[in-house]
Amino acid sequence: MQSQKQLLDFFNKTRAQSELICSFLETEDYVVQPIENVSPPKWHLGHTTWFFEEFVLKPHLKNYQLFDKHSAYVFNSYYESVGDKVIRTNRGNLSRPTVAWVYKYRNYVSKAMEQFLKESSISKELCSIIEIGCHHEKQHQELLLTDIKYILGNNPLFPEYNDQFKENPIQDFKQEWISISKGVYEIGHKSNDFCYDNEQGAHKVYLNDFKISNKLVTNAEFIEFIASGAYKDVLLWHAEGWDWINSNKIEAPFYWHKIDGEWHQYTLNGLTKLIPEAPLSHISYYEAFAFAQWKGLRLPTEFEWETAQKYFKWGDRWEWTESAYSPYPNYTRPEGALGEYNGKFMVNQKVLRGASVATSQKHTRHTYRNFFHPHLRWQFTGLRLAK
């Protein structure tokens, strides 16, 4: 657990990073919501502010005055127990509150939080909630980057976000297979460092002998998959995956464009030629599974991934696993509204492990369990093969 001084520094740096991410935007970019899963940048800024107001300042700072009585209604996300909220699909329909208003709201709450952390003696339990709030904002920093990419990447002009973001690091080492012997291994978070509740409940699992690649699948490998006609081969796909690619006319990873016979990719630096050696990104679980089938291999389970991760470099792409998102043994959902944070989503989703180029600093762990529905691919999602 961090001291209050450390927590204040962590809070201030986290808040500043969110605003740095948005500093490259034009005002018009803040309001766009192309699809349900992509929220307007100004909503992210407001929502991460509401979290601290709702769970820290309102219940714990004496005589705290709300910045605006409508903030909770506009910026609540899925916390049903807290109160009513704007429907998720309607976030992009709100021209008001304005971007300027949202920044004033952020400043108001940040100053109140800073005063609270400096002048009050805070319990360990409340320090834990503030720490969760900071990591919650770090999650939204990654969502900001991926949502901004979706917003700009679906603009027919393919505008550049900035020229600084590096999303295609090359894994310049030879592909090898790491062997892990059968046995009993311990899974889950075991240290006193921060983690989410879905990582808790360290437990043992039995694994058979397996091998896992030290390298992520690359764009070049996936080009071969496409060229082989794999998107037309029903035998490679789950039934749901086959319906999904045909209903949505999916023929390549998200953000890929074939121009004059050559593959290009929209990146946060704009539209560029596809880099064959770069790790594959923006694929669904369905595509990851089909590619593994095509190679005569498979995806690792999240337990295999966690056991083997110390032997390979990870962190460039969120990696699809073959594991369903479900509770660990003896998992206990936290009481109150924060109990809605992870537990209620443990159905119909797949676990992804690792991190991505968009993941914020000090927000990665080898026990981190990310989760998404199988068809989603606006995140920096890739795959690592196992056998």
Protein backbone atom coordinates (compact mmCIF):
# COMPACT_ATOMS: atom_id res chain seq x y z
CA MET A 1 0.00 0.00 0.00
CA GLN A 2 1.33 3.42 -0.93
CA SER A 3 1.68 6.27 1.58
CA GLN A 4 -0.64 9.26 1.14
CA LYS A 5 2.25 11.30 -0.29
CA GLN A 6 3.03 8.56 -2.81
CA LEU A 7 -0.65 8.20 -3.59
CA LEU A 8 -0.98 11.94 -4.26
CA ASP A 9 1.98 11.83 -6.62
CA PHE A 10 0.50 8.78 -8.36
CA PHE A 11 -2.87 10.53 -8.64
CA ASN A 12 -1.41 13.74 -10.10
CA LYS A 13 0.74 11.90 -12.66
CA THR A 14 -2.20 9.75 -13.70
CA ARG A 15 -4.47 12.76 -14.19
CA ALA A 16 -1.82 14.60 -16.19
CA GLN A 17 -1.27 11.62 -18.49
CA SER A 18 -4.95 11.48 -19.50
CA GLU A 19 -4.84 15.12 -20.50
CA LEU A 20 -1.56 14.65 -22.37
CA ILE A 21 -3.18 11.91 -24.46
CA CYS A 22 -6.01 14.29 -25.36
CA SER A 23 -3.72 17.25 -26.06
CA PHE A 24 -3.24 16.10 -29.66
CA LEU A 25 -6.99 16.26 -30.40
CA GLU A 26 -9.04 18.96 -32.04
CA THR A 27 -12.18 20.00 -30.15
CA GLU A 28 -14.41 18.19 -32.67
CA ASP A 29 -12.59 14.89 -31.99
CA TYR A 30 -13.74 14.87 -28.36
CA VAL A 31 -17.42 14.28 -29.13
CA VAL A 32 -17.45 11.48 -31.73
CA GLN A 33 -18.88 8.02 -30.93
CA PRO A 34 -18.87 5.86 -34.09
CA ILE A 35 -20.01 2.63 -32.40
CA GLU A 36 -21.28 1.53 -28.98
CA ASN A 37 -17.92 0.24 -27.72
CA VAL A 38 -16.07 3.47 -28.59
CA SER A 39 -16.78 6.34 -26.22
CA PRO A 40 -16.11 10.02 -26.96
CA PRO A 41 -12.80 11.22 -25.47
CA LYS A 42 -14.56 13.89 -23.42
CA TRP A 43 -16.70 11.16 -21.83
CA HIS A 44 -13.58 9.27 -20.72
CA LEU A 45 -12.22 12.46 -19.14
CA GLY A 46 -15.51 13.08 -17.35
CA HIS A 47 -16.08 9.47 -16.29
CA THR A 48 -12.65 9.08 -14.67
CA THR A 49 -13.33 12.32 -12.80
CA TRP A 50 -16.78 11.20 -11.67
CA PHE A 51 -15.22 8.04 -10.20
CA PHE A 52 -13.22 10.06 -7.65
CA GLU A 53 -16.14 12.36 -6.93
CA GLU A 54 -18.60 9.50 -6.45
CA PHE A 55 -16.49 7.03 -4.47
CA VAL A 56 -14.11 9.32 -2.58
CA LEU A 57 -15.19 12.94 -2.25
CA LYS A 58 -18.97 12.63 -1.83
CA PRO A 59 -18.88 10.05 0.96
CA HIS A 60 -15.63 11.08 2.69
CA LEU A 61 -14.90 14.82 2.31
CA LYS A 62 -16.99 16.80 4.75
CA ASN A 63 -19.10 19.57 3.19
CA TYR A 64 -17.99 18.63 -0.33
CA GLN A 65 -20.03 20.51 -2.92
CA LEU A 66 -20.76 18.77 -6.23
CA PHE A 67 -19.42 20.59 -9.27
CA ASP A 68 -22.73 19.91 -11.00
CA LYS A 69 -25.73 17.84 -9.93
CA HIS A 70 -25.96 16.19 -13.39
CA SER A 71 -22.38 14.85 -13.45
CA ALA A 72 -23.30 11.41 -12.13
CA TYR A 73 -26.08 10.96 -14.69
CA VAL A 74 -23.82 11.89 -17.61
CA PHE A 75 -20.62 10.11 -16.57
CA ASN A 76 -21.70 6.95 -14.75
CA SER A 77 -20.88 3.94 -16.92
CA TYR A 78 -22.23 0.59 -15.73
CA TYR A 79 -22.58 1.04 -11.95
CA GLU A 80 -26.26 0.15 -11.69
CA SER A 81 -26.25 0.39 -7.89
CA VAL A 82 -25.09 4.03 -7.97
CA GLY A 83 -27.98 5.45 -9.99
CA ASP A 84 -29.38 6.32 -13.40
CA LYS A 85 -27.09 7.08 -16.33
CA VAL A 86 -27.05 8.11 -19.96
CA ILE A 87 -27.45 5.06 -22.21
CA ARG A 88 -24.03 4.01 -23.52
CA THR A 89 -25.00 4.42 -27.17
CA ASN A 90 -26.05 8.03 -26.51
CA ARG A 91 -22.72 9.30 -25.19
CA GLY A 92 -21.83 10.71 -28.60
CA ASN A 93 -25.11 12.60 -28.89
CA LEU A 94 -24.20 15.03 -26.12
CA SER A 95 -22.81 18.33 -27.38
CA ARG A 96 -23.23 19.54 -23.82
CA PRO A 97 -21.53 19.47 -21.39
CA THR A 98 -18.84 21.04 -23.51
CA VAL A 99 -15.18 20.04 -23.67
CA ALA A 100 -14.26 23.21 -21.78
CA TRP A 101 -16.81 22.30 -19.08
CA VAL A 102 -15.30 18.81 -18.73
CA TYR A 103 -11.83 20.25 -18.20
CA LYS A 104 -13.19 22.62 -15.54
CA TYR A 105 -14.87 19.63 -13.88
CA ARG A 106 -11.60 17.69 -13.92
CA ASN A 107 -9.71 20.60 -12.42
CA TYR A 108 -12.32 21.09 -9.69
CA VAL A 109 -12.26 17.45 -8.63
CA SER A 110 -8.47 17.12 -8.92
CA LYS A 111 -7.94 20.12 -6.64
CA ALA A 112 -10.42 18.72 -4.12
CA MET A 113 -8.65 15.35 -4.21
CA GLU A 114 -5.26 16.98 -3.75
CA GLN A 115 -6.49 18.97 -0.74
CA PHE A 116 -8.12 15.84 0.70
CA LEU A 117 -4.93 13.77 0.36
CA LYS A 118 -2.77 16.50 1.85
CA GLU A 119 -4.93 17.50 4.81
CA SER A 120 -6.86 14.39 5.85
CA SER A 121 -5.81 11.22 7.58
CA ILE A 122 -7.13 8.50 5.31
CA SER A 123 -7.83 4.87 6.15
CA LYS A 124 -6.12 2.01 4.35
CA GLU A 125 -9.49 1.05 2.87
CA LEU A 126 -10.00 4.49 1.37
CA CYS A 127 -6.40 4.63 0.12
CA SER A 128 -7.16 1.36 -1.66
CA ILE A 129 -10.23 2.90 -3.35
CA ILE A 130 -8.15 5.89 -4.51
CA GLU A 131 -5.50 3.53 -5.86
CA ILE A 132 -8.22 1.61 -7.73
CA GLY A 133 -9.44 4.95 -9.10
CA CYS A 134 -5.97 5.74 -10.46
CA HIS A 135 -5.66 2.34 -12.12
CA HIS A 136 -9.21 2.71 -13.40
CA GLU A 137 -8.11 5.94 -15.08
CA LYS A 138 -5.06 4.15 -16.52
CA GLN A 139 -7.44 1.62 -18.08
CA HIS A 140 -9.31 4.52 -19.64
CA GLN A 141 -6.04 5.96 -20.93
CA GLU A 142 -5.63 2.82 -23.02
CA LEU A 143 -9.26 3.08 -24.08
CA LEU A 144 -8.68 6.73 -25.00
CA LEU A 145 -5.88 5.74 -27.38
CA THR A 146 -7.81 2.87 -28.95
CA ASP A 147 -11.04 4.88 -29.16
CA ILE A 148 -9.19 7.82 -30.72
CA LYS A 149 -7.67 5.41 -33.23
CA TYR A 150 -11.13 4.09 -34.09
CA ILE A 151 -12.54 7.60 -34.45
CA LEU A 152 -9.72 8.80 -36.71
CA GLY A 153 -9.21 5.46 -38.47
CA ASN A 154 -12.82 5.47 -39.66
CA ASN A 155 -12.50 9.00 -40.98
CA PRO A 156 -12.10 8.73 -44.80
CA LEU A 157 -9.17 11.18 -44.64
CA PHE A 158 -7.22 8.87 -42.25
CA PRO A 159 -5.90 11.79 -40.19
CA GLU A 160 -2.78 11.48 -38.05
CA TYR A 161 -3.18 11.51 -34.27
CA ASN A 162 0.49 12.35 -33.73
CA ASP A 163 3.89 11.27 -35.05
CA GLN A 164 5.19 10.10 -31.67
CA PHE A 165 3.14 7.00 -30.90
CA LYS A 166 5.00 3.78 -31.81
CA GLU A 167 2.55 0.96 -32.26
CA ASN A 168 4.55 -1.52 -34.36
CA PRO A 169 7.71 -2.59 -32.47
CA ILE A 170 9.65 -5.31 -34.29
CA GLN A 171 10.48 -8.53 -32.47
CA ASP A 172 13.95 -8.91 -33.94
CA PHE A 173 14.74 -12.37 -32.63
CA LYS A 174 14.34 -15.91 -33.92
CA GLN A 175 11.11 -17.79 -33.33
CA GLU A 176 11.57 -20.68 -30.90
CA TRP A 177 9.36 -23.05 -28.93
CA ILE A 178 9.55 -22.91 -25.14
CA SER A 179 8.91 -26.28 -23.48
CA ILE A 180 7.05 -26.45 -20.18
CA SER A 181 6.90 -29.78 -18.37
CA LYS A 182 3.70 -31.22 -17.01
CA GLY A 183 3.01 -30.56 -13.38
CA VAL A 184 1.15 -28.49 -10.82
CA TYR A 185 1.60 -24.73 -11.04
CA GLU A 186 0.30 -21.85 -8.93
CA ILE A 187 -1.82 -19.21 -10.68
CA GLY A 188 -2.99 -15.81 -9.49
CA HIS A 189 -1.74 -12.71 -7.74
CA LYS A 190 0.36 -13.42 -4.65
CA SER A 191 2.24 -10.20 -3.76
CA ASN A 192 1.09 -7.14 -1.81
CA ASP A 193 1.27 -4.94 -4.91
CA PHE A 194 -1.89 -3.63 -6.53
CA CYS A 195 -4.12 -6.01 -8.46
CA TYR A 196 -7.79 -6.31 -9.38
CA ASP A 197 -10.13 -8.66 -7.58
CA ASN A 198 -10.36 -10.99 -10.59
CA GLU A 199 -6.64 -11.85 -10.18
CA GLN A 200 -7.05 -12.90 -6.56
CA GLY A 201 -7.55 -16.34 -5.20
CA ALA A 202 -4.14 -17.87 -5.92
CA HIS A 203 -4.67 -21.52 -6.70
CA LYS A 204 -2.98 -24.53 -8.23
CA VAL A 205 -3.65 -25.96 -11.67
CA TYR A 206 -2.38 -29.08 -13.36
CA LEU A 207 -0.86 -28.57 -16.82
CA ASN A 208 0.15 -31.20 -19.33
CA ASP A 209 3.41 -30.88 -21.27
CA PHE A 210 3.14 -28.01 -23.74
CA LYS A 211 5.18 -25.71 -25.91
CA ILE A 212 4.61 -22.02 -26.48
CA SER A 213 6.13 -19.63 -28.99
CA ASN A 214 8.57 -17.03 -27.73
CA LYS A 215 7.33 -14.71 -30.48
CA LEU A 216 3.99 -13.19 -31.45
CA VAL A 217 2.44 -13.96 -34.83
CA THR A 218 3.50 -11.32 -37.36
CA ASN A 219 1.69 -9.48 -40.14
CA ALA A 220 3.67 -11.47 -42.72
CA GLU A 221 2.35 -14.75 -41.33
CA PHE A 222 -1.21 -13.47 -41.41
CA ILE A 223 -0.82 -12.31 -45.02
CA GLU A 224 -0.09 -15.96 -45.87
CA PHE A 225 -3.25 -16.95 -43.99
CA ILE A 226 -5.31 -14.51 -46.07
CA ALA A 227 -3.62 -15.52 -49.35
CA SER A 228 -4.41 -19.18 -48.69
CA GLY A 229 -8.13 -18.39 -48.78
CA ALA A 230 -8.57 -19.02 -45.06
CA TYR A 231 -11.38 -16.45 -44.73
CA LYS A 232 -13.34 -18.64 -47.17
CA ASP A 233 -12.59 -21.99 -45.50
CA VAL A 234 -15.47 -22.87 -43.21
CA LEU A 235 -13.52 -25.71 -41.60
CA LEU A 236 -11.15 -23.30 -39.86
CA TRP A 237 -13.81 -21.34 -38.00
CA HIS A 238 -16.13 -21.67 -35.06
CA ALA A 239 -19.75 -21.51 -36.20
CA GLU A 240 -20.14 -18.10 -34.54
CA GLY A 241 -16.90 -16.91 -36.11
CA TRP A 242 -18.01 -18.06 -39.56
CA ASP A 243 -21.33 -16.23 -39.16
CA TRP A 244 -19.47 -13.14 -37.93
CA ILE A 245 -17.01 -12.87 -40.83
CA ASN A 246 -19.75 -13.45 -43.40
CA SER A 247 -22.32 -11.13 -41.82
CA ASN A 248 -19.74 -8.36 -41.51
CA LYS A 249 -17.79 -9.14 -44.71
CA ILE A 250 -14.53 -9.54 -42.77
CA GLU A 251 -11.58 -10.31 -45.03
CA ALA A 252 -8.58 -8.93 -43.09
CA PRO A 253 -7.61 -7.56 -39.67
CA PHE A 254 -9.12 -4.26 -38.62
CA TYR A 255 -7.43 -1.15 -40.08
CA TRP A 256 -5.94 -3.12 -43.01
CA HIS A 257 -6.55 -1.65 -46.47
CA LYS A 258 -5.42 -3.08 -49.80
CA ILE A 259 -4.39 -0.20 -52.06
CA ASP A 260 -3.09 -0.87 -55.59
CA GLY A 261 -2.49 -4.50 -54.66
CA GLU A 262 -0.46 -3.69 -51.55
CA TRP A 263 -1.50 -3.94 -47.91
CA HIS A 264 -1.62 -0.74 -45.87
CA GLN A 265 -2.53 -0.20 -42.23
CA TYR A 266 -4.06 2.77 -40.47
CA THR A 267 -1.96 3.67 -37.43
CA LEU A 268 -2.05 6.58 -35.02
CA ASN A 269 0.62 8.09 -37.27
CA GLY A 270 -1.80 7.92 -40.21
CA LEU A 271 -2.14 5.48 -43.12
CA THR A 272 1.14 3.66 -43.83
CA LYS A 273 2.36 0.60 -45.70
CA LEU A 274 1.94 -2.55 -43.63
CA ILE A 275 5.15 -3.64 -41.90
CA PRO A 276 5.41 -7.41 -42.48
CA GLU A 277 7.74 -8.02 -39.52
CA ALA A 278 5.53 -6.20 -37.00
CA PRO A 279 3.36 -8.21 -34.62
CA LEU A 280 -0.19 -8.70 -35.84
CA SER A 281 -2.82 -6.54 -34.16
CA HIS A 282 -6.53 -5.72 -34.14
CA ILE A 283 -7.85 -9.24 -34.64
CA SER A 284 -10.81 -10.94 -33.00
CA TYR A 285 -10.66 -14.14 -30.99
CA TYR A 286 -12.40 -15.80 -33.92
CA GLU A 287 -9.53 -14.84 -36.25
CA ALA A 288 -6.90 -15.87 -33.70
CA PHE A 289 -8.53 -19.29 -33.34
CA ALA A 290 -8.87 -19.77 -37.11
CA PHE A 291 -5.22 -18.83 -37.68
CA ALA A 292 -4.09 -21.35 -35.06
CA GLN A 293 -6.26 -24.02 -36.72
CA TRP A 294 -4.73 -23.16 -40.10
CA LYS A 295 -1.24 -23.64 -38.64
CA GLY A 296 -2.22 -26.93 -37.05
CA LEU A 297 -1.60 -25.39 -33.63
CA ARG A 298 -3.69 -23.75 -30.90
CA LEU A 299 -3.97 -20.80 -28.56
CA PRO A 300 -2.53 -21.18 -25.05
CA THR A 301 -4.80 -21.20 -22.03
CA GLU A 302 -4.40 -18.27 -19.66
CA PHE A 303 -2.80 -20.69 -17.14
CA GLU A 304 -0.23 -21.87 -19.68
CA TRP A 305 0.49 -18.25 -20.59
CA GLU A 306 1.00 -17.18 -16.96
CA THR A 307 3.22 -20.17 -16.24
CA ALA A 308 5.45 -19.60 -19.29
CA GLN A 309 5.47 -15.78 -19.49
CA LYS A 310 8.79 -15.36 -17.66
CA TYR A 311 10.52 -17.07 -20.59
CA PHE A 312 9.36 -14.66 -23.31
CA LYS A 313 8.96 -10.93 -23.91
CA TRP A 314 5.38 -9.70 -23.65
CA GLY A 315 3.62 -6.34 -23.64
CA ASP A 316 3.30 -5.30 -27.29
CA ARG A 317 -0.13 -6.85 -27.88
CA TRP A 318 -2.97 -8.14 -25.74
CA GLU A 319 -2.86 -11.87 -26.42
CA TRP A 320 -6.01 -13.90 -26.94
CA THR A 321 -6.11 -17.10 -24.91
CA GLU A 322 -8.33 -20.17 -25.09
CA SER A 323 -9.69 -19.46 -21.61
CA ALA A 324 -13.18 -18.26 -20.84
CA TYR A 325 -13.36 -15.35 -18.41
CA SER A 326 -14.62 -16.90 -15.20
CA PRO A 327 -13.93 -16.53 -11.48
CA TYR A 328 -10.98 -18.18 -9.81
CA PRO A 329 -11.74 -20.68 -7.01
CA ASN A 330 -12.92 -18.91 -3.86
CA TYR A 331 -13.40 -15.64 -5.73
CA THR A 332 -15.41 -13.19 -3.65
CA ARG A 333 -17.00 -10.18 -5.24
CA PRO A 334 -16.24 -7.00 -3.28
CA GLU A 335 -19.13 -5.42 -1.46
CA GLY A 336 -20.85 -2.28 -2.69
CA ALA A 337 -20.74 -0.59 -6.08
CA LEU A 338 -17.08 -1.50 -6.70
CA GLY A 339 -18.21 -5.11 -6.72
CA GLU A 340 -19.64 -4.35 -10.16
CA TYR A 341 -16.15 -3.63 -11.49
CA ASN A 342 -15.21 -7.14 -12.71
CA GLY A 343 -17.43 -9.89 -11.36
CA LYS A 344 -20.60 -9.19 -13.32
CA PHE A 345 -18.75 -9.51 -16.64
CA MET A 346 -17.64 -13.10 -16.07
CA VAL A 347 -19.77 -14.57 -18.85
CA ASN A 348 -19.43 -14.99 -22.63
CA GLN A 349 -15.98 -13.37 -22.79
CA LYS A 350 -12.43 -14.55 -23.46
CA VAL A 351 -9.35 -13.76 -21.38
CA LEU A 352 -6.45 -11.83 -22.90
CA ARG A 353 -3.07 -11.75 -21.22
CA GLY A 354 -0.08 -9.42 -21.30
CA ALA A 355 -0.44 -5.76 -22.23
CA SER A 356 -0.22 -3.61 -25.35
CA VAL A 357 1.67 -0.64 -26.73
CA ALA A 358 -1.28 1.46 -25.54
CA THR A 359 -1.22 0.20 -21.93
CA SER A 360 -0.19 2.88 -19.46
CA GLN A 361 3.02 2.65 -17.44
CA LYS A 362 2.82 0.95 -14.04
CA HIS A 363 -0.34 -0.84 -15.10
CA THR A 364 1.00 -4.22 -16.22
CA ARG A 365 1.35 -7.50 -14.36
CA HIS A 366 1.80 -11.09 -15.45
CA THR A 367 -1.39 -11.94 -13.53
CA TYR A 368 -3.52 -9.23 -15.21
CA ARG A 369 -6.70 -10.70 -16.73
CA ASN A 370 -8.11 -8.56 -19.51
CA PHE A 371 -11.36 -9.72 -21.11
CA PHE A 372 -13.42 -8.98 -24.20
CA HIS A 373 -16.18 -10.54 -26.26
CA PRO A 374 -14.79 -12.76 -29.04
CA HIS A 375 -15.73 -10.47 -31.95
CA LEU A 376 -14.12 -7.28 -30.63
CA ARG A 377 -10.88 -6.08 -32.19
CA TRP A 378 -10.50 -2.33 -31.74
CA GLN A 379 -7.89 -3.00 -29.04
CA PHE A 380 -4.29 -3.92 -29.88
CA THR A 381 -5.06 -7.64 -29.85
CA GLY A 382 -2.74 -10.31 -31.26
CA LEU A 383 -1.80 -13.91 -30.59
CA ARG A 384 0.93 -16.28 -29.52
CA LEU A 385 0.76 -19.92 -30.62
CA ALA A 386 1.02 -23.04 -28.47
CA LYS A 387 1.13 -26.78 -29.06
